[in-house]
N, C-alpha and C. Protein backbone atom coordinates (compact mmCIF):
# COMPACT_ATOMS: atom_id res chain seq x y z
N UNK A 1 22.40 35.41 22.33
CA UNK A 1 22.11 35.37 20.91
C UNK A 1 23.27 34.40 20.41
N UNK A 2 22.89 33.21 19.67
CA UNK A 2 23.93 32.37 19.16
C UNK A 2 24.15 32.70 17.69
N UNK A 3 25.32 32.86 17.27
CA UNK A 3 25.65 33.28 15.84
C UNK A 3 25.75 31.83 15.08
N UNK A 4 25.37 31.81 13.92
CA UNK A 4 25.55 30.67 13.10
C UNK A 4 26.84 30.59 12.68
N UNK A 5 27.35 29.24 12.60
CA UNK A 5 28.85 28.97 12.33
C UNK A 5 29.20 29.55 10.98
N UNK A 6 28.25 29.57 10.07
CA UNK A 6 28.55 30.24 8.72
C UNK A 6 28.74 31.65 8.83
N UNK A 7 28.01 32.31 9.68
CA UNK A 7 28.30 33.91 9.80
C UNK A 7 29.63 34.12 10.37
N UNK A 8 29.93 33.36 11.42
CA UNK A 8 31.20 33.45 12.04
C UNK A 8 32.34 33.22 11.23
N UNK A 9 32.31 32.08 10.37
CA UNK A 9 33.30 31.71 9.44
C UNK A 9 33.46 32.80 8.44
N UNK A 10 32.37 33.39 7.90
CA UNK A 10 32.31 34.48 6.92
C UNK A 10 33.00 35.65 7.40
N UNK A 11 32.80 36.11 8.69
CA UNK A 11 33.43 37.20 9.32
C UNK A 11 34.99 36.90 9.43
N UNK A 12 35.25 35.84 10.15
CA UNK A 12 36.69 35.48 10.12
C UNK A 12 37.35 35.44 8.89
N UNK A 13 36.70 34.85 7.88
CA UNK A 13 37.42 34.77 6.57
C UNK A 13 37.71 36.25 5.95
N UNK A 14 36.72 37.09 6.13
CA UNK A 14 36.94 38.44 5.61
C UNK A 14 38.03 39.17 6.42
N UNK A 15 38.05 39.02 7.71
CA UNK A 15 39.19 39.60 8.61
C UNK A 15 40.44 39.00 8.20
N UNK A 16 40.57 37.67 7.97
CA UNK A 16 41.91 37.07 7.53
C UNK A 16 42.32 37.55 6.22
N UNK A 17 41.23 37.61 5.28
CA UNK A 17 41.65 38.08 3.86
C UNK A 17 42.09 39.46 4.01
N UNK A 18 41.58 40.34 4.71
CA UNK A 18 42.02 41.86 4.71
C UNK A 18 43.52 41.85 5.42
N UNK A 19 43.68 41.08 6.45
CA UNK A 19 44.97 40.95 7.10
C UNK A 19 46.12 40.39 6.29
N UNK A 20 45.63 39.42 5.42
CA UNK A 20 46.58 38.70 4.60
C UNK A 20 46.96 39.58 3.38
N UNK A 21 46.01 40.38 2.81
CA UNK A 21 46.33 41.14 1.75
C UNK A 21 47.23 42.32 2.04
N UNK A 22 48.57 42.14 1.91
CA UNK A 22 49.42 43.14 2.33
C UNK A 22 49.10 44.49 1.39
N UNK A 23 49.00 44.16 0.05
CA UNK A 23 48.61 45.38 -0.79
C UNK A 23 47.50 44.99 -1.57
N UNK A 24 46.58 45.86 -1.54
CA UNK A 24 45.25 45.57 -2.35
C UNK A 24 45.08 46.74 -3.42
N UNK A 25 44.23 46.49 -4.45
CA UNK A 25 44.00 47.46 -5.39
C UNK A 25 43.20 48.75 -4.81
N UNK A 26 43.56 49.90 -5.40
CA UNK A 26 42.80 51.01 -4.91
C UNK A 26 41.58 51.14 -5.78
N UNK A 27 40.65 52.22 -5.51
CA UNK A 27 39.44 52.43 -6.14
C UNK A 27 39.58 52.51 -7.67
N UNK A 28 40.68 52.92 -8.16
CA UNK A 28 40.92 52.99 -9.61
C UNK A 28 41.61 51.65 -10.07
N UNK A 29 41.82 50.68 -9.28
CA UNK A 29 42.41 49.44 -9.51
C UNK A 29 43.90 49.37 -9.92
N UNK A 30 44.41 50.64 -9.99
CA UNK A 30 45.90 50.80 -10.30
C UNK A 30 46.71 51.23 -9.10
N UNK A 31 46.12 51.99 -8.30
CA UNK A 31 46.85 52.47 -7.08
C UNK A 31 46.74 51.54 -6.10
N UNK A 32 47.93 50.99 -5.54
CA UNK A 32 47.94 50.01 -4.55
C UNK A 32 47.57 50.61 -3.17
N UNK A 33 46.87 49.91 -2.40
CA UNK A 33 46.47 50.37 -0.94
C UNK A 33 46.97 49.16 0.04
N UNK A 34 47.12 49.61 1.16
CA UNK A 34 47.52 48.57 2.35
C UNK A 34 46.77 48.88 3.64
N UNK A 35 46.33 47.77 4.31
CA UNK A 35 45.83 48.03 5.59
C UNK A 35 46.95 48.07 6.64
N UNK A 36 46.88 49.31 7.24
CA UNK A 36 48.12 49.61 8.12
C UNK A 36 47.81 49.32 9.63
N UNK A 37 46.71 49.51 10.14
CA UNK A 37 46.31 49.27 11.52
C UNK A 37 44.85 49.08 11.69
N UNK A 38 44.47 48.28 12.73
CA UNK A 38 43.14 47.96 13.07
C UNK A 38 42.94 48.29 14.72
N UNK A 39 42.10 49.04 15.10
CA UNK A 39 41.94 49.31 16.41
C UNK A 39 40.47 49.05 16.91
N UNK A 40 40.23 48.24 17.98
CA UNK A 40 38.98 47.99 18.53
C UNK A 40 38.84 48.47 19.89
N UNK A 41 37.91 49.25 20.14
CA UNK A 41 37.69 49.90 21.55
C UNK A 41 36.38 49.17 22.14
N UNK A 42 36.80 48.29 23.00
CA UNK A 42 35.68 47.46 23.60
C UNK A 42 34.84 48.28 24.48
N UNK A 43 35.22 49.44 25.10
CA UNK A 43 34.48 50.23 25.96
C UNK A 43 33.27 50.90 25.20
N UNK A 44 33.51 51.40 23.98
CA UNK A 44 32.59 52.06 23.34
C UNK A 44 32.10 51.43 21.96
N UNK A 45 32.51 50.14 21.72
CA UNK A 45 32.20 49.23 20.61
C UNK A 45 32.46 50.01 19.29
N UNK A 46 33.82 50.59 19.32
CA UNK A 46 34.03 51.19 17.91
C UNK A 46 35.32 50.61 17.26
N UNK A 47 35.23 50.37 15.93
CA UNK A 47 36.25 49.70 15.20
C UNK A 47 36.92 50.78 14.19
N UNK A 48 38.07 50.98 14.27
CA UNK A 48 38.80 51.95 13.49
C UNK A 48 39.99 51.23 12.64
N UNK A 49 40.17 51.55 11.46
CA UNK A 49 41.26 51.04 10.69
C UNK A 49 41.77 52.14 9.79
N UNK A 50 43.12 52.08 9.41
CA UNK A 50 43.67 52.92 8.57
C UNK A 50 44.17 52.12 7.37
N UNK A 51 43.78 52.84 6.07
CA UNK A 51 44.21 52.30 4.85
C UNK A 51 45.19 53.30 4.22
N UNK A 52 46.30 52.75 3.85
CA UNK A 52 47.23 53.75 3.08
C UNK A 52 47.22 53.57 1.57
N UNK A 53 47.45 54.70 1.02
CA UNK A 53 47.48 54.58 -0.64
C UNK A 53 49.03 54.95 -0.95
N UNK A 54 49.62 54.18 -1.77
CA UNK A 54 51.01 54.41 -2.11
C UNK A 54 51.36 53.90 -3.42
N UNK A 55 52.55 53.57 -3.58
CA UNK A 55 53.14 53.04 -4.90
C UNK A 55 54.12 52.03 -4.58
N UNK A 56 54.51 51.23 -5.60
CA UNK A 56 55.58 50.33 -5.33
C UNK A 56 56.84 50.98 -5.88
N UNK A 57 58.01 50.78 -5.29
CA UNK A 57 59.17 51.34 -5.75
C UNK A 57 59.78 50.44 -6.71
N UNK A 58 61.12 50.80 -7.36
CA UNK A 58 61.68 49.89 -8.32
C UNK A 58 61.97 48.45 -7.90
N UNK A 59 62.08 48.35 -6.58
CA UNK A 59 62.34 46.97 -6.11
C UNK A 59 61.10 46.25 -5.75
N UNK A 60 59.97 46.88 -5.97
CA UNK A 60 58.66 46.26 -5.81
C UNK A 60 58.12 46.35 -4.46
N UNK A 61 58.76 47.18 -3.52
CA UNK A 61 58.34 47.30 -2.09
C UNK A 61 57.33 48.54 -2.03
N UNK A 62 56.28 48.13 -1.41
CA UNK A 62 55.20 49.32 -1.23
C UNK A 62 55.69 50.35 -0.34
N UNK A 63 55.41 51.59 -0.75
CA UNK A 63 55.74 52.85 -0.13
C UNK A 63 54.44 53.52 0.03
N UNK A 64 53.88 53.75 1.42
CA UNK A 64 52.69 54.56 1.56
C UNK A 64 52.88 55.98 1.30
N UNK A 65 51.88 56.69 0.76
CA UNK A 65 51.99 58.09 0.60
C UNK A 65 51.04 58.87 1.31
N UNK A 66 49.76 58.37 1.33
CA UNK A 66 48.70 59.08 2.19
C UNK A 66 47.82 58.06 2.85
N UNK A 67 47.02 58.37 3.88
CA UNK A 67 46.28 57.39 4.56
C UNK A 67 44.78 57.92 4.83
N UNK A 68 43.99 57.06 5.02
CA UNK A 68 42.54 57.40 5.20
C UNK A 68 42.16 56.54 6.56
N UNK A 69 41.39 57.07 7.42
CA UNK A 69 40.97 56.45 8.60
C UNK A 69 39.38 56.13 8.56
N UNK A 70 38.97 54.79 8.61
CA UNK A 70 37.69 54.38 8.57
C UNK A 70 37.20 54.15 9.95
N UNK A 71 35.97 54.50 10.33
CA UNK A 71 35.37 54.18 11.68
C UNK A 71 34.02 53.48 11.59
N UNK A 72 33.79 52.50 12.40
CA UNK A 72 32.56 52.08 12.59
C UNK A 72 32.13 52.01 14.03
N UNK A 73 30.95 52.47 14.24
CA UNK A 73 30.31 52.49 15.52
C UNK A 73 29.31 51.44 15.52
N UNK A 74 29.65 50.29 16.29
CA UNK A 74 28.84 49.12 16.29
C UNK A 74 27.53 49.40 16.88
N UNK A 75 27.44 50.20 18.11
CA UNK A 75 26.13 50.58 18.72
C UNK A 75 25.21 51.23 17.82
N UNK A 76 25.63 52.12 16.90
CA UNK A 76 24.72 52.82 16.08
C UNK A 76 24.73 52.21 14.60
N UNK A 77 25.51 51.16 14.38
CA UNK A 77 25.59 50.36 13.05
C UNK A 77 25.72 51.46 12.05
N UNK A 78 26.90 52.20 12.12
CA UNK A 78 27.26 53.20 11.14
C UNK A 78 28.70 53.19 10.92
N UNK A 79 29.11 53.50 9.61
CA UNK A 79 30.49 53.56 9.21
C UNK A 79 30.76 55.01 8.62
N UNK A 80 31.80 55.55 8.98
CA UNK A 80 32.23 56.89 8.60
C UNK A 80 33.60 57.05 7.95
N UNK A 81 33.65 57.90 6.91
CA UNK A 81 35.04 58.17 6.21
C UNK A 81 34.83 59.63 5.92
N UNK A 82 35.92 60.35 6.31
CA UNK A 82 35.95 61.76 5.95
C UNK A 82 34.66 62.44 6.34
N UNK A 83 33.97 62.25 7.30
CA UNK A 83 32.65 63.00 7.64
C UNK A 83 31.50 62.43 6.97
N UNK A 84 31.55 61.55 6.04
CA UNK A 84 30.41 60.93 5.35
C UNK A 84 30.18 59.63 6.17
N UNK A 85 28.87 59.55 6.50
CA UNK A 85 28.42 58.30 7.25
C UNK A 85 27.46 57.42 6.49
N UNK A 86 27.46 56.23 6.78
CA UNK A 86 26.48 55.37 5.89
C UNK A 86 26.07 54.19 7.14
N UNK A 87 24.76 53.86 7.08
CA UNK A 87 24.13 52.89 7.89
C UNK A 87 24.33 51.48 7.27
N UNK A 88 24.43 50.45 8.22
CA UNK A 88 24.43 49.12 7.72
C UNK A 88 23.69 48.24 8.69
N UNK A 89 23.51 47.01 8.47
CA UNK A 89 22.68 46.19 9.26
C UNK A 89 22.90 46.00 10.77
N UNK A 90 22.03 46.18 11.64
CA UNK A 90 22.25 45.95 13.06
C UNK A 90 22.73 44.53 13.27
N UNK A 91 22.11 43.51 12.51
CA UNK A 91 22.58 42.19 12.82
C UNK A 91 24.13 42.02 12.39
N UNK A 92 24.63 42.77 11.32
CA UNK A 92 25.94 42.73 11.02
C UNK A 92 26.80 43.30 12.08
N UNK A 93 26.38 44.44 12.61
CA UNK A 93 27.05 45.06 13.71
C UNK A 93 27.10 44.14 14.93
N UNK A 94 26.08 43.53 15.30
CA UNK A 94 26.18 42.59 16.39
C UNK A 94 27.11 41.48 16.17
N UNK A 95 27.18 40.83 14.98
CA UNK A 95 28.07 39.88 14.66
C UNK A 95 29.50 40.20 14.79
N UNK A 96 29.86 41.41 14.27
CA UNK A 96 31.23 41.75 14.28
C UNK A 96 31.56 42.13 15.58
N UNK A 97 30.67 42.66 16.46
CA UNK A 97 30.94 43.09 17.83
C UNK A 97 31.28 41.84 18.62
N UNK A 98 30.67 40.80 18.39
CA UNK A 98 30.80 39.55 19.05
C UNK A 98 32.29 38.88 18.70
N UNK A 99 32.63 39.13 17.45
CA UNK A 99 33.81 38.62 16.96
C UNK A 99 34.98 39.54 17.65
N UNK A 100 34.82 40.79 17.56
CA UNK A 100 35.84 41.73 18.15
C UNK A 100 35.93 41.56 19.78
N UNK A 101 34.74 41.28 20.44
CA UNK A 101 34.76 40.91 21.87
C UNK A 101 35.61 39.56 22.14
N UNK A 102 35.54 38.75 21.26
CA UNK A 102 36.31 37.57 21.27
C UNK A 102 37.71 37.88 21.29
N UNK A 103 38.15 38.77 20.43
CA UNK A 103 39.61 39.05 20.28
C UNK A 103 40.03 39.90 21.48
N UNK A 104 39.08 40.71 22.07
CA UNK A 104 39.39 41.42 23.29
C UNK A 104 39.60 40.40 24.41
N UNK A 105 38.64 39.48 24.50
CA UNK A 105 38.89 38.55 25.53
C UNK A 105 40.18 37.73 25.42
N UNK A 106 40.65 37.32 24.30
CA UNK A 106 41.96 36.77 24.06
C UNK A 106 43.01 37.70 24.51
N UNK A 107 42.89 39.00 24.33
CA UNK A 107 43.85 40.01 24.71
C UNK A 107 43.92 40.02 26.38
N UNK A 108 42.81 39.96 26.91
CA UNK A 108 42.72 40.00 28.44
C UNK A 108 43.40 38.77 28.91
N UNK A 109 43.00 37.63 28.45
CA UNK A 109 43.57 36.33 28.82
C UNK A 109 45.01 36.20 28.61
N UNK A 110 45.51 36.77 27.53
CA UNK A 110 46.93 36.86 27.24
C UNK A 110 47.73 37.62 28.15
N UNK A 111 47.06 38.66 28.61
CA UNK A 111 47.64 39.68 29.64
C UNK A 111 47.83 38.84 31.05
N UNK A 112 46.75 38.20 31.45
CA UNK A 112 46.87 37.23 32.59
C UNK A 112 47.94 36.15 32.42
N UNK A 113 47.95 35.62 31.24
CA UNK A 113 49.01 34.56 30.97
C UNK A 113 50.40 35.19 31.16
N UNK A 114 50.57 36.36 30.69
CA UNK A 114 51.85 37.09 30.85
C UNK A 114 52.10 37.47 32.18
N UNK A 115 51.16 38.03 32.95
CA UNK A 115 51.34 38.38 34.36
C UNK A 115 51.77 37.13 35.19
N UNK A 116 51.24 36.02 34.85
CA UNK A 116 51.54 34.81 35.55
C UNK A 116 52.84 34.26 35.27
N UNK A 117 53.56 34.75 34.37
CA UNK A 117 54.92 34.32 34.11
C UNK A 117 54.84 33.01 33.17
N UNK A 118 53.84 32.83 32.49
CA UNK A 118 53.76 31.73 31.67
C UNK A 118 54.58 31.74 30.41
N UNK A 119 54.91 30.84 29.70
CA UNK A 119 55.52 30.89 28.51
C UNK A 119 57.22 30.78 28.68
N UNK A 120 57.81 30.68 27.64
CA UNK A 120 59.43 30.58 27.78
C UNK A 120 59.96 31.88 27.30
N UNK A 121 60.63 32.62 28.27
CA UNK A 121 61.31 33.78 28.06
C UNK A 121 62.27 33.73 26.81
N UNK A 122 62.31 34.78 26.05
CA UNK A 122 63.36 34.84 25.01
C UNK A 122 64.59 35.38 25.43
N UNK A 123 65.63 34.73 25.17
CA UNK A 123 66.97 35.20 25.50
C UNK A 123 67.61 35.84 24.28
N UNK A 124 68.77 36.55 24.46
CA UNK A 124 69.26 37.20 23.27
C UNK A 124 69.80 36.13 22.23
N UNK A 125 70.21 34.92 22.65
CA UNK A 125 70.76 33.96 21.76
C UNK A 125 69.63 33.26 20.93
N UNK A 126 68.32 33.32 21.31
CA UNK A 126 67.20 32.65 20.49
C UNK A 126 66.22 33.61 20.18
N UNK A 127 66.45 34.91 20.25
CA UNK A 127 65.28 35.87 19.98
C UNK A 127 64.74 35.70 18.60
N UNK A 128 65.64 35.40 17.64
CA UNK A 128 65.11 35.41 16.21
C UNK A 128 65.08 33.78 15.88
N UNK A 129 65.46 32.89 16.66
CA UNK A 129 65.37 31.52 16.27
C UNK A 129 64.18 30.89 16.59
N UNK A 130 63.15 30.91 15.57
CA UNK A 130 61.80 30.49 15.78
C UNK A 130 61.81 29.06 15.94
N UNK A 131 62.61 28.32 15.26
CA UNK A 131 62.70 26.81 15.48
C UNK A 131 62.99 26.30 16.79
N UNK A 132 63.94 27.04 17.42
CA UNK A 132 64.13 26.63 18.95
C UNK A 132 63.08 27.01 19.74
N UNK A 133 62.49 28.28 19.70
CA UNK A 133 61.44 28.64 20.30
C UNK A 133 60.22 27.79 20.23
N UNK A 134 59.94 27.35 19.00
CA UNK A 134 58.87 26.40 18.81
C UNK A 134 58.97 25.03 19.51
N UNK A 135 60.37 24.66 19.48
CA UNK A 135 60.47 23.22 20.28
C UNK A 135 60.38 23.54 21.71
N UNK A 136 60.85 24.70 22.29
CA UNK A 136 60.67 24.98 23.64
C UNK A 136 59.24 25.20 24.15
N UNK A 137 58.46 25.72 23.29
CA UNK A 137 57.13 25.90 23.64
C UNK A 137 56.31 24.57 23.52
N UNK A 138 56.64 23.72 22.65
CA UNK A 138 56.00 22.33 22.65
C UNK A 138 56.30 21.65 23.97
N UNK A 139 57.57 21.77 24.43
CA UNK A 139 57.89 20.98 25.64
C UNK A 139 57.00 21.61 26.89
N UNK A 140 56.80 22.90 26.93
CA UNK A 140 56.22 23.53 28.16
C UNK A 140 54.94 24.37 27.66
N UNK A 141 53.95 23.55 27.03
CA UNK A 141 52.77 24.32 26.61
C UNK A 141 52.01 24.99 27.78
N UNK A 142 51.62 26.24 27.65
CA UNK A 142 50.80 26.69 28.77
C UNK A 142 49.40 26.15 28.72
N UNK A 143 48.72 26.49 29.87
CA UNK A 143 47.18 25.99 29.93
C UNK A 143 46.57 26.84 28.85
N UNK A 144 45.61 25.95 28.08
CA UNK A 144 44.68 26.66 27.10
C UNK A 144 43.48 27.24 27.94
N UNK A 145 42.78 28.15 27.41
CA UNK A 145 41.57 28.65 28.14
C UNK A 145 40.66 27.70 28.71
N UNK A 146 40.44 26.49 28.02
CA UNK A 146 39.55 25.48 28.56
C UNK A 146 40.21 24.81 29.78
N UNK A 147 41.54 24.70 30.00
CA UNK A 147 42.16 24.15 31.00
C UNK A 147 42.39 25.08 32.22
N UNK A 148 42.26 26.32 32.02
CA UNK A 148 42.50 27.35 33.00
C UNK A 148 41.34 27.29 34.03
N UNK A 149 41.71 27.68 35.28
CA UNK A 149 40.54 27.73 36.23
C UNK A 149 39.35 28.53 35.92
N UNK A 150 38.15 28.26 36.22
CA UNK A 150 37.00 28.95 35.75
C UNK A 150 36.96 30.41 36.14
N UNK A 151 37.63 30.79 37.38
CA UNK A 151 37.72 32.25 37.77
C UNK A 151 38.27 33.11 36.77
N UNK A 152 39.36 32.63 35.98
CA UNK A 152 40.19 33.43 35.10
C UNK A 152 39.26 33.52 33.76
N UNK A 153 38.36 32.72 33.46
CA UNK A 153 37.61 32.81 32.31
C UNK A 153 36.43 33.80 32.42
N UNK A 154 36.03 34.04 33.53
CA UNK A 154 34.94 34.91 33.62
C UNK A 154 35.38 36.35 33.80
N UNK A 155 35.79 36.94 32.57
CA UNK A 155 36.31 38.31 32.66
C UNK A 155 35.42 39.12 31.62
N UNK A 156 35.04 40.30 32.10
CA UNK A 156 34.34 41.21 31.38
C UNK A 156 35.20 42.31 30.66
N UNK A 157 35.33 42.33 29.39
CA UNK A 157 36.21 43.30 28.74
C UNK A 157 35.62 44.81 28.82
N UNK A 158 34.33 44.87 29.30
CA UNK A 158 33.70 46.06 29.44
C UNK A 158 34.27 46.90 30.64
N UNK A 159 34.59 46.14 31.86
CA UNK A 159 35.04 46.73 32.93
C UNK A 159 36.35 46.35 33.32
N UNK A 160 37.16 45.68 32.53
CA UNK A 160 38.36 45.21 32.91
C UNK A 160 39.52 46.32 33.09
N UNK A 161 40.07 46.39 34.33
CA UNK A 161 41.09 47.51 34.61
C UNK A 161 42.26 46.82 35.21
N UNK A 162 43.37 47.43 35.13
CA UNK A 162 44.57 46.86 35.66
C UNK A 162 44.95 47.92 36.76
């Protein structure tokens, strides 16, 4: 199945927007909420995320008070919150699953990259110096996925084990 570029762009845009919104309005538009974590389980095609509800302190910093866990089962095209379930389009579930499998593939390829000792090790003197780190990475760019040998690209996230 080939996804339309518009669909992928829309999905990526929604994910980026959610991640970029540190604090979003609550259901009553006055209570701030924040995306705390997102977990994808590639083995059972389930997406889980946690949204906290809180308040801003006097310095304007968000302080979470309580949280809710949302779950999506892509195989069943259902979303649940607090025991209440709702169905959504199977096409949407397939599209999101493709996107999340892409993120999973990136994680697997990054693990291989790490295991191969690629990249510039951080030393104590430049751990927080991103400018120095960026310059070092420019000089020794690791192979991109397209430059890597074909056998490293053929990875199934369904059965990857270490």
